[in-house]
Structures are given as C-alpha cells and as structure tokens.
C-alpha atoms as a PDB file:
ATOM      1  CA  MET A   1      -9.669  14.692  34.273  1.00  0.00           C
ATOM      2  CA  HIS A   2     -10.420  16.568  31.085  1.00  0.00           C
ATOM      3  CA  PRO A   3     -12.909  14.573  28.998  1.00  0.00           C
ATOM      4  CA  ILE A   4     -13.343  17.249  26.319  1.00  0.00           C
ATOM      5  CA  LEU A   5     -10.034  18.553  24.980  1.00  0.00           C
ATOM      6  CA  PHE A   6     -11.490  21.367  22.894  1.00  0.00           C
ATOM      7  CA  GLU A   7     -14.385  22.331  20.651  1.00  0.00           C
ATOM      8  CA  VAL A   8     -14.290  23.352  17.007  1.00  0.00           C
ATOM      9  CA  GLY A   9     -17.405  24.867  15.487  1.00  0.00           C
ATOM     10  CA  GLY A  10     -19.602  23.255  18.110  1.00  0.00           C
ATOM     11  CA  LEU A  11     -17.926  19.875  17.622  1.00  0.00           C
ATOM     12  CA  SER A  12     -16.397  18.428  20.783  1.00  0.00           C
ATOM     13  CA  VAL A  13     -13.087  16.570  20.584  1.00  0.00           C
ATOM     14  CA  TYR A  14     -12.966  14.028  23.412  1.00  0.00           C
ATOM     15  CA  GLY A  15      -9.722  13.125  25.125  1.00  0.00           C
ATOM     16  CA  TYR A  16     -10.318   9.379  24.994  1.00  0.00           C
ATOM     17  CA  GLY A  17     -11.131   9.429  21.279  1.00  0.00           C
ATOM     18  CA  ALA A  18      -8.123  11.623  20.533  1.00  0.00           C
ATOM     19  CA  MET A  19      -5.766   9.288  22.396  1.00  0.00           C
ATOM     20  CA  LEU A  20      -7.284   6.303  20.613  1.00  0.00           C
ATOM     21  CA  ALA A  21      -6.643   7.987  17.255  1.00  0.00           C
ATOM     22  CA  ILE A  22      -3.053   8.846  18.243  1.00  0.00           C
ATOM     23  CA  ALA A  23      -2.455   5.274  19.428  1.00  0.00           C
ATOM     24  CA  PHE A  24      -3.741   3.944  16.104  1.00  0.00           C
ATOM     25  CA  ALA A  25      -1.571   6.327  14.053  1.00  0.00           C
ATOM     26  CA  VAL A  26       1.589   5.640  16.064  1.00  0.00           C
ATOM     27  CA  GLY A  27       0.951   1.892  16.027  1.00  0.00           C
ATOM     28  CA  VAL A  28       0.406   1.762  12.265  1.00  0.00           C
ATOM     29  CA  TRP A  29       3.515   3.850  11.625  1.00  0.00           C
ATOM     30  CA  GLY A  30       5.683   1.636  13.811  1.00  0.00           C
ATOM     31  CA  LEU A  31       4.247  -1.642  12.538  1.00  0.00           C
ATOM     32  CA  THR A  32       4.547  -0.811   8.841  1.00  0.00           C
ATOM     33  CA  ARG A  33       8.090   0.491   9.410  1.00  0.00           C
ATOM     34  CA  GLU A  34       9.170  -2.713  11.135  1.00  0.00           C
ATOM     35  CA  GLY A  35       7.183  -4.825   8.665  1.00  0.00           C
ATOM     36  CA  LYS A  36       9.003  -3.289   5.706  1.00  0.00           C
ATOM     37  CA  ARG A  37      12.328  -4.239   7.298  1.00  0.00           C
ATOM     38  CA  ALA A  38      11.008  -7.787   7.711  1.00  0.00           C
ATOM     39  CA  GLY A  39      10.005  -7.989   4.053  1.00  0.00           C
ATOM     40  CA  LEU A  40       6.234  -7.834   4.579  1.00  0.00           C
ATOM     41  CA  SER A  41       3.790  -5.743   2.565  1.00  0.00           C
ATOM     42  CA  GLU A  42       3.034  -2.376   4.160  1.00  0.00           C
ATOM     43  CA  ASP A  43      -0.391  -2.309   2.494  1.00  0.00           C
ATOM     44  CA  ARG A  44      -1.276  -5.744   3.864  1.00  0.00           C
ATOM     45  CA  LEU A  45      -0.168  -4.798   7.355  1.00  0.00           C
ATOM     46  CA  PHE A  46      -2.168  -1.558   7.251  1.00  0.00           C
ATOM     47  CA  GLU A  47      -5.278  -3.380   6.105  1.00  0.00           C
ATOM     48  CA  MET A  48      -4.753  -6.019   8.788  1.00  0.00           C
ATOM     49  CA  VAL A  49      -4.536  -3.338  11.486  1.00  0.00           C
ATOM     50  CA  ILE A  50      -7.879  -1.899  10.346  1.00  0.00           C
ATOM     51  CA  TRP A  51      -9.520  -5.317  10.662  1.00  0.00           C
ATOM     52  CA  ILE A  52      -7.879  -5.966  14.029  1.00  0.00           C
ATOM     53  CA  MET A  53      -8.908  -2.580  15.416  1.00  0.00           C
ATOM     54  CA  ILE A  54     -12.550  -3.069  14.412  1.00  0.00           C
ATOM     55  CA  ALA A  55     -12.564  -6.554  15.940  1.00  0.00           C
ATOM     56  CA  ALA A  56     -10.794  -5.342  19.101  1.00  0.00           C
ATOM     57  CA  ILE A  57     -13.285  -2.524  19.723  1.00  0.00           C
ATOM     58  CA  LEU A  58     -16.252  -4.841  19.200  1.00  0.00           C
ATOM     59  CA  GLY A  59     -14.687  -7.627  21.272  1.00  0.00           C
ATOM     60  CA  SER A  60     -13.763  -5.316  24.137  1.00  0.00           C
ATOM     61  CA  ARG A  61     -17.248  -3.825  24.258  1.00  0.00           C
ATOM     62  CA  ILE A  62     -19.029  -7.179  24.023  1.00  0.00           C
ATOM     63  CA  LEU A  63     -17.005  -8.739  26.843  1.00  0.00           C
ATOM     64  CA  TYR A  64     -17.522  -5.697  29.067  1.00  0.00           C
ATOM     65  CA  ILE A  65     -21.289  -5.875  28.494  1.00  0.00           C
ATOM     66  CA  LEU A  66     -21.309  -9.601  29.307  1.00  0.00           C
ATOM     67  CA  LEU A  67     -19.392  -8.957  32.542  1.00  0.00           C
ATOM     68  CA  GLU A  68     -21.869  -6.229  33.516  1.00  0.00           C
ATOM     69  CA  LEU A  69     -24.932  -7.943  32.024  1.00  0.00           C
ATOM     70  CA  PRO A  70     -27.432  -7.219  34.857  1.00  0.00           C
ATOM     71  CA  ARG A  71     -26.726  -3.503  34.524  1.00  0.00           C
ATOM     72  CA  TYR A  72     -27.308  -3.519  30.773  1.00  0.00           C
ATOM     73  CA  LEU A  73     -30.427  -5.683  31.004  1.00  0.00           C
ATOM     74  CA  ALA A  74     -31.862  -3.079  33.360  1.00  0.00           C
ATOM     75  CA  ASP A  75     -30.840  -0.211  31.050  1.00  0.00           C
ATOM     76  CA  PRO A  76     -30.346  -1.523  27.470  1.00  0.00           C
ATOM     77  CA  ILE A  77     -29.730   1.929  26.008  1.00  0.00           C
ATOM     78  CA  ALA A  78     -26.562   2.133  28.141  1.00  0.00           C
ATOM     79  CA  VAL A  79     -24.979  -0.314  25.678  1.00  0.00           C
ATOM     80  CA  PHE A  80     -24.320   2.693  23.453  1.00  0.00           C
ATOM     81  CA  HIS A  81     -22.859   4.893  26.193  1.00  0.00           C
ATOM     82  CA  VAL A  82     -19.097   4.427  26.110  1.00  0.00           C
ATOM     83  CA  ARG A  83     -17.880   7.862  27.202  1.00  0.00           C
ATOM     84  CA  SER A  84     -17.718   6.764  30.845  1.00  0.00           C
ATOM     85  CA  GLY A  85     -15.737   3.631  30.013  1.00  0.00           C
ATOM     86  CA  GLY A  86     -16.916   0.194  29.095  1.00  0.00           C
ATOM     87  CA  LEU A  87     -14.176  -1.540  27.102  1.00  0.00           C
ATOM     88  CA  SER A  88     -12.435  -4.706  28.263  1.00  0.00           C
ATOM     89  CA  PHE A  89      -8.841  -5.026  27.059  1.00  0.00           C
ATOM     90  CA  HIS A  90      -8.949  -8.813  27.398  1.00  0.00           C
ATOM     91  CA  GLY A  91     -12.014  -8.991  25.132  1.00  0.00           C
ATOM     92  CA  GLY A  92     -10.313  -6.811  22.559  1.00  0.00           C
ATOM     93  CA  LEU A  93      -7.121  -8.851  22.763  1.00  0.00           C
ATOM     94  CA  ILE A  94      -8.929 -12.150  22.159  1.00  0.00           C
ATOM     95  CA  ALA A  95     -10.896 -10.751  19.205  1.00  0.00           C
ATOM     96  CA  GLY A  96      -7.795  -9.064  17.780  1.00  0.00           C
ATOM     97  CA  ILE A  97      -5.718 -12.249  17.975  1.00  0.00           C
ATOM     98  CA  ALA A  98      -8.431 -14.259  16.220  1.00  0.00           C
ATOM     99  CA  VAL A  99      -8.768 -11.759  13.372  1.00  0.00           C
ATOM    100  CA  GLY A 100      -4.991 -11.323  13.104  1.00  0.00           C
ATOM    101  CA  ILE A 101      -4.463 -15.072  12.680  1.00  0.00           C
ATOM    102  CA  TRP A 102      -7.300 -15.272  10.158  1.00  0.00           C
ATOM    103  CA  TYR A 103      -5.958 -12.356   8.101  1.00  0.00           C
ATOM    104  CA  SER A 104      -2.342 -13.541   8.203  1.00  0.00           C
ATOM    105  CA  ARG A 105      -3.219 -17.033   7.019  1.00  0.00           C
ATOM    106  CA  ARG A 106      -5.553 -15.723   4.334  1.00  0.00           C
ATOM    107  CA  HIS A 107      -2.773 -13.579   2.849  1.00  0.00           C
ATOM    108  CA  ASN A 108       0.055 -16.064   3.344  1.00  0.00           C
ATOM    109  CA  MET A 109       1.860 -14.109   6.034  1.00  0.00           C
ATOM    110  CA  PRO A 110       3.468 -16.101   8.880  1.00  0.00           C
ATOM    111  CA  PRO A 111       1.180 -15.478  11.915  1.00  0.00           C
ATOM    112  CA  GLY A 112       3.974 -15.809  14.476  1.00  0.00           C
ATOM    113  CA  LYS A 113       6.206 -13.340  12.679  1.00  0.00           C
ATOM    114  CA  VAL A 114       3.350 -10.872  12.249  1.00  0.00           C
ATOM    115  CA  ALA A 115       2.374 -11.228  15.921  1.00  0.00           C
ATOM    116  CA  ASP A 116       5.936 -10.423  16.988  1.00  0.00           C
ATOM    117  CA  LEU A 117       5.873  -7.259  14.872  1.00  0.00           C
ATOM    118  CA  VAL A 118       2.561  -6.206  16.405  1.00  0.00           C
ATOM    119  CA  ALA A 119       3.459  -6.883  20.055  1.00  0.00           C
ATOM    120  CA  PRO A 120       5.601  -3.803  20.924  1.00  0.00           C
ATOM    121  CA  PHE A 121       3.267  -1.359  19.185  1.00  0.00           C
ATOM    122  CA  LEU A 122       0.209  -2.940  20.754  1.00  0.00           C
ATOM    123  CA  MET A 123       1.774  -2.200  24.139  1.00  0.00           C
ATOM    124  CA  LEU A 124       2.692   1.329  23.062  1.00  0.00           C
ATOM    125  CA  GLY A 125      -0.835   1.992  21.834  1.00  0.00           C
ATOM    126  CA  TYR A 126      -2.301   0.564  25.016  1.00  0.00           C
ATOM    127  CA  GLY A 127      -0.254   3.007  27.079  1.00  0.00           C
ATOM    128  CA  ILE A 128      -1.357   5.990  24.994  1.00  0.00           C
ATOM    129  CA  VAL A 129      -5.007   4.984  25.347  1.00  0.00           C
ATOM    130  CA  ARG A 130      -4.572   4.852  29.139  1.00  0.00           C
ATOM    131  CA  ILE A 131      -3.818   8.590  29.019  1.00  0.00           C
ATOM    132  CA  GLY A 132      -7.235   8.847  27.364  1.00  0.00           C
ATOM    133  CA  CYS A 133      -8.665   6.922  30.316  1.00  0.00           C
ATOM    134  CA  LEU A 134      -7.139   9.480  32.690  1.00  0.00           C
ATOM    135  CA  LEU A 135      -8.643  12.350  30.694  1.00  0.00           C
ATOM    136  CA  ASN A 136     -11.992  10.556  30.608  1.00  0.00           C
ATOM    137  CA  GLY A 137     -11.940   9.539  34.272  1.00  0.00           C
ATOM    138  CA  CYS A 138     -12.526   5.834  33.657  1.00  0.00           C
ATOM    139  CA  CYS A 139     -10.503   2.804  34.814  1.00  0.00           C
ATOM    140  CA  PHE A 140      -9.799   4.711  38.026  1.00  0.00           C
ATOM    141  CA  GLY A 141      -8.148   3.621  41.237  1.00  0.00           C
ATOM    142  CA  ARG A 142      -9.170   3.333  44.857  1.00  0.00           C
ATOM    143  CA  ARG A 143      -9.339   6.287  47.201  1.00  0.00           C
ATOM    144  CA  THR A 144      -6.008   7.020  48.846  1.00  0.00           C
ATOM    145  CA  ASP A 145      -3.990   9.694  50.616  1.00  0.00           C
ATOM    146  CA  VAL A 146      -0.645   8.997  48.914  1.00  0.00           C
ATOM    147  CA  ALA A 147       1.267  12.106  47.846  1.00  0.00           C
ATOM    148  CA  TRP A 148       0.653  11.508  44.122  1.00  0.00           C
ATOM    149  CA  ALA A 149      -3.102  10.883  44.416  1.00  0.00           C
ATOM    150  CA  LEU A 150      -5.295  12.614  41.830  1.00  0.00           C
ATOM    151  CA  PRO A 151      -9.014  13.282  41.285  1.00  0.00           C
ATOM    152  CA  ALA A 152      -8.998  10.732  38.458  1.00  0.00           C
ATOM    153  CA  SER A 153     -12.588   9.481  38.405  1.00  0.00           C
ATOM    154  CA  TYR A 154     -15.687  10.660  36.573  1.00  0.00           C
ATOM    155  CA  VAL A 155     -17.869   9.561  39.523  1.00  0.00           C
ATOM    156  CA  ASP A 156     -16.481  12.030  42.111  1.00  0.00           C
ATOM    157  CA  ASP A 157     -13.634  14.396  42.974  1.00  0.00           C
ATOM    158  CA  ALA A 158     -12.026  12.152  45.594  1.00  0.00           C
ATOM    159  CA  LEU A 159      -8.256  11.669  45.518  1.00  0.00           C
ATOM    160  CA  ARG A 160      -7.430   8.256  44.109  1.00  0.00           C
ATOM    161  CA  HIS A 161      -4.567   6.113  42.907  1.00  0.00           C
ATOM    162  CA  PRO A 162      -3.925   7.345  39.330  1.00  0.00           C
ATOM    163  CA  THR A 163      -3.993   3.790  37.985  1.00  0.00           C
ATOM    164  CA  GLN A 164      -4.229   5.157  34.467  1.00  0.00           C
ATOM    165  CA  LEU A 165      -0.765   6.674  34.933  1.00  0.00           C
ATOM    166  CA  TYR A 166       0.516   3.453  36.509  1.00  0.00           C
ATOM    167  CA  ALA A 167      -0.683   1.689  33.363  1.00  0.00           C
ATOM    168  CA  PHE A 168       0.962   4.246  31.080  1.00  0.00           C
ATOM    169  CA  LEU A 169       4.337   3.991  32.819  1.00  0.00           C
ATOM    170  CA  ALA A 170       4.230   0.185  32.882  1.00  0.00           C
ATOM    171  CA  SER A 171       3.289   0.141  29.195  1.00  0.00           C
ATOM    172  CA  MET A 172       6.233   2.339  28.221  1.00  0.00           C
ATOM    173  CA  LEU A 173       8.587   0.078  30.169  1.00  0.00           C
ATOM    174  CA  ILE A 174       7.167  -3.073  28.555  1.00  0.00           C
ATOM    175  CA  PHE A 175       7.320  -1.425  25.122  1.00  0.00           C
ATOM    176  CA  ALA A 176      11.013  -0.664  25.645  1.00  0.00           C
ATOM    177  CA  VAL A 177      11.712  -4.247  26.787  1.00  0.00           C
ATOM    178  CA  LEU A 178       9.882  -5.726  23.803  1.00  0.00           C
ATOM    179  CA  MET A 179      11.763  -3.502  21.359  1.00  0.00           C
ATOM    180  CA  TRP A 180      15.033  -4.609  22.963  1.00  0.00           C
ATOM    181  CA  ARG A 181      13.961  -8.256  22.847  1.00  0.00           C
ATOM    182  CA  ARG A 182      12.644  -8.319  19.276  1.00  0.00           C
ATOM    183  CA  ASN A 183      15.868  -9.725  17.772  1.00  0.00           C
ATOM    184  CA  LYS A 184      16.683 -12.033  20.680  1.00  0.00           C
ATOM    185  CA  THR A 185      13.879 -14.612  20.476  1.00  0.00           C
ATOM    186  CA  ARG A 186      14.172 -18.319  19.612  1.00  0.00           C
ATOM    187  CA  PHE A 187      11.011 -18.716  17.516  1.00  0.00           C
ATOM    188  CA  ASP A 188       8.343 -16.713  15.729  1.00  0.00           C
ATOM    189  CA  GLY A 189       5.563 -15.824  18.132  1.00  0.00           C
ATOM    190  CA  GLN A 190       7.792 -15.732  21.220  1.00  0.00           C
ATOM    191  CA  LEU A 191       7.794 -11.935  21.459  1.00  0.00           C
ATOM    192  CA  PHE A 192       3.998 -11.870  21.414  1.00  0.00           C
ATOM    193  CA  LEU A 193       3.916 -14.479  24.165  1.00  0.00           C
ATOM    194  CA  GLU A 194       6.346 -12.323  26.141  1.00  0.00           C
ATOM    195  CA  PHE A 195       3.994  -9.383  25.625  1.00  0.00           C
ATOM    196  CA  ILE A 196       1.147 -11.416  27.136  1.00  0.00           C
ATOM    197  CA  LEU A 197       3.402 -12.467  30.022  1.00  0.00           C
ATOM    198  CA  TYR A 198       4.615  -8.950  30.844  1.00  0.00           C
ATOM    199  CA  TYR A 199       1.167  -7.407  30.402  1.00  0.00           C
ATOM    200  CA  SER A 200      -0.419 -10.031  32.648  1.00  0.00           C
ATOM    201  CA  ILE A 201       2.142  -9.431  35.404  1.00  0.00           C
ATOM    202  CA  TYR A 202       1.624  -5.661  35.248  1.00  0.00           C
ATOM    203  CA  ARG A 203      -2.166  -6.018  35.192  1.00  0.00           C
ATOM    204  CA  PHE A 204      -2.178  -8.432  38.134  1.00  0.00           C
ATOM    205  CA  VAL A 205      -0.263  -5.885  40.227  1.00  0.00           C
ATOM    206  CA  VAL A 206      -2.150  -2.737  39.206  1.00  0.00           C
ATOM    207  CA  GLU A 207      -5.519  -4.412  39.816  1.00  0.00           C
ATOM    208  CA  HIS A 208      -4.718  -4.164  43.526  1.00  0.00           C
ATOM    209  CA  PHE A 209      -4.970  -0.372  43.245  1.00  0.00           C
ATOM    210  CA  ARG A 210      -8.017  -0.181  40.939  1.00  0.00           C
ATOM    211  CA  GLU A 211     -11.589   0.179  42.108  1.00  0.00           C
ATOM    212  CA  VAL A 212     -13.330  -2.891  40.716  1.00  0.00           C
ATOM    213  CA  SER A 213     -16.584  -4.724  41.326  1.00  0.00           C
ATOM    214  CA  ALA A 214     -16.025  -8.072  39.587  1.00  0.00           C
ATOM    215  CA  TYR A 215     -14.305 -10.769  41.627  1.00  0.00           C
ATOM    216  CA  ALA A 216     -13.349 -14.414  41.099  1.00  0.00           C
ATOM    217  CA  GLY A 217     -12.943 -15.694  44.639  1.00  0.00           C
ATOM    218  CA  PHE A 218     -10.359 -13.626  46.509  1.00  0.00           C
ATOM    219  CA  LEU A 219      -8.919 -12.229  43.264  1.00  0.00           C
ATOM    220  CA  THR A 220     -10.429  -9.577  41.052  1.00  0.00           C
ATOM    221  CA  LEU A 221     -11.631 -10.913  37.721  1.00  0.00           C
ATOM    222  CA  GLY A 222      -8.805  -9.012  36.035  1.00  0.00           C
ATOM    223  CA  GLN A 223      -6.251 -10.664  38.320  1.00  0.00           C
ATOM    224  CA  ALA A 224      -7.698 -14.118  37.662  1.00  0.00           C
ATOM    225  CA  VAL A 225      -7.533 -13.634  33.883  1.00  0.00           C
ATOM    226  CA  SER A 226      -4.043 -12.142  34.166  1.00  0.00           C
ATOM    227  CA  LEU A 227      -2.840 -15.098  36.224  1.00  0.00           C
ATOM    228  CA  ILE A 228      -4.100 -17.493  33.567  1.00  0.00           C
ATOM    229  CA  GLY A 229      -2.470 -15.393  30.847  1.00  0.00           C
ATOM    230  CA  ALA A 230       0.880 -15.192  32.622  1.00  0.00           C
ATOM    231  CA  VAL A 231       1.056 -18.918  33.374  1.00  0.00           C
ATOM    232  CA  GLY A 232      -0.138 -19.849  29.884  1.00  0.00           C
ATOM    233  CA  ALA A 233       2.374 -17.563  28.150  1.00  0.00           C
ATOM    234  CA  PHE A 234       5.254 -18.713  30.357  1.00  0.00           C
ATOM    235  CA  VAL A 235       4.492 -22.395  29.764  1.00  0.00           C
ATOM    236  CA  ALA A 236       4.094 -21.847  26.010  1.00  0.00           C
ATOM    237  CA  ILE A 237       7.493 -20.126  25.818  1.00  0.00           C
ATOM    238  CA  ARG A 238       9.177 -22.932  27.765  1.00  0.00           C
ATOM    239  CA  ILE A 239       7.664 -25.912  25.942  1.00  0.00           C
ATOM    240  CA  TRP A 240       7.511 -24.642  22.365  1.00  0.00           C
ATOM    241  CA  PRO A 241       8.658 -27.676  20.324  1.00  0.00           C
ATOM    242  CA  LEU A 242      12.456 -27.545  20.089  1.00  0.00           C
ATOM    243  CA  GLY A 243      12.363 -23.737  19.891  1.00  0.00           C
ATOM    244  CA  ARG A 244      11.407 -24.229  16.241  1.00  0.00           C
ATOM    245  CA  LYS A 245      10.450 -21.375  13.952  1.00  0.00           C
ATOM    246  CA  ALA A 246       6.645 -21.148  13.475  1.00  0.00           C
END
C-alpha cells in the first residue's frame, strides 16, 4: 500500500489517480493505433474515449452508491470521498457501452467494429488501474496466511489475499488472448463479447478471495452479475444470426 506516490510543491500525486491516467494514455494510444489500421478516424476515436471515460466514471460511482445506499444516506458527504474506493466496474461498463454505441452511431462508425477495437485495451487499462487499487488499499482480499499474502487494505495491516494483483495478472492474460483473437472472429462485436465472457469468468473466481459485503443468495453480488454476463456473452456468441457481420 502506497496511496501517495510523491509530492511536488505541496501537491500530492495519488497512486490510484496516476494509474488511472496511465491506463487512459495507454488505452488511447493502443486504440487509435489499431483504429488507424482499421480505417477509422483517430480524432473520432480519441473523442469517443473521452466521452466513454466520463460516462464510465460517473456510471461506476453511481452504481456503487446505489449498492451501498444506506451508508451514503447516513453520511451524504461520503459521496464525494473516493480515495478509499467506491467505483463499480460493472456500472462503468454499462455506462461506457451505452455512450460508445451512441457515439459510434452518431458518427457513422460501425459499433461492433469499434467495440472489438476497444475490448483489448479496456482489459489492459483495467489491469493497470488494479495496480492503483493495490497502492490505494481498496478492492482488497480476505485475511489469509498464504505465502504471498500482503497488507493490501486501507482498513488494517492484516495479511490478505492480494486480489488486486490477481486482477492485474488475469487482465494481462485476457489482454494477450484478445489481441491474439482479434483477427480470428466471425462477426463484428464478437471480440467484445469474448471480453465480457473472459472478464466475467475471472471476476467470478476472484470474488471468492475478496472481502465483500453484498450478497445475492449464496453468491456475492459480483459473482451473480458475472454469472449473468458470462452466460449472456456465451449465448450471444453462439446464436449470432448466421455469424453475420454487424
């Protein structure tokens, strides 16, 4: 844990914010590079990423607040405290998809093709941000005595599963698979569906090691959403009409 990386002239540079900025820069570079090869406007893609990032941050924060509503009703000012965590990836993903489709259609770019370009770099950026989570001490795991346990939580110094590192490693693996798969799909949009499938499988597994408070029956809420995402993505890939280009 190292929430503040360094200070310059009294200004603190936070690890989570720095990783978020790096993820954005790397994602934009990769997306515009691949988009140019696909014959899409680099300027349009850059502008789209700005819109998607704004929507994703708002969506992830709003969903997290809704999931923890009693806490925020009791302490409304906590809505503005995000240094200790408080962003839901699923909320950001939903908002980002909606804005991405809207922007693509508005500027006559094929949504499925654009989504496939975004998918690998979304996974790469997600992994980088999880390093920010480790520095910040949020999204931490359960207490454990495994050899690789770390004091990875802002709430205490107990040794825990470094689920942030599990997420980073899984993200790098999924990123590599998506990059390998990007020219092997049957229809536009398939790679993005594969991203949802792989992410959902990883998230379902890693939730077992995270310390969470929200449950849906015997599953954590994250596992329940991931199960829906995995099944939905798998079915969509299998039944897409005649494997036709979108």
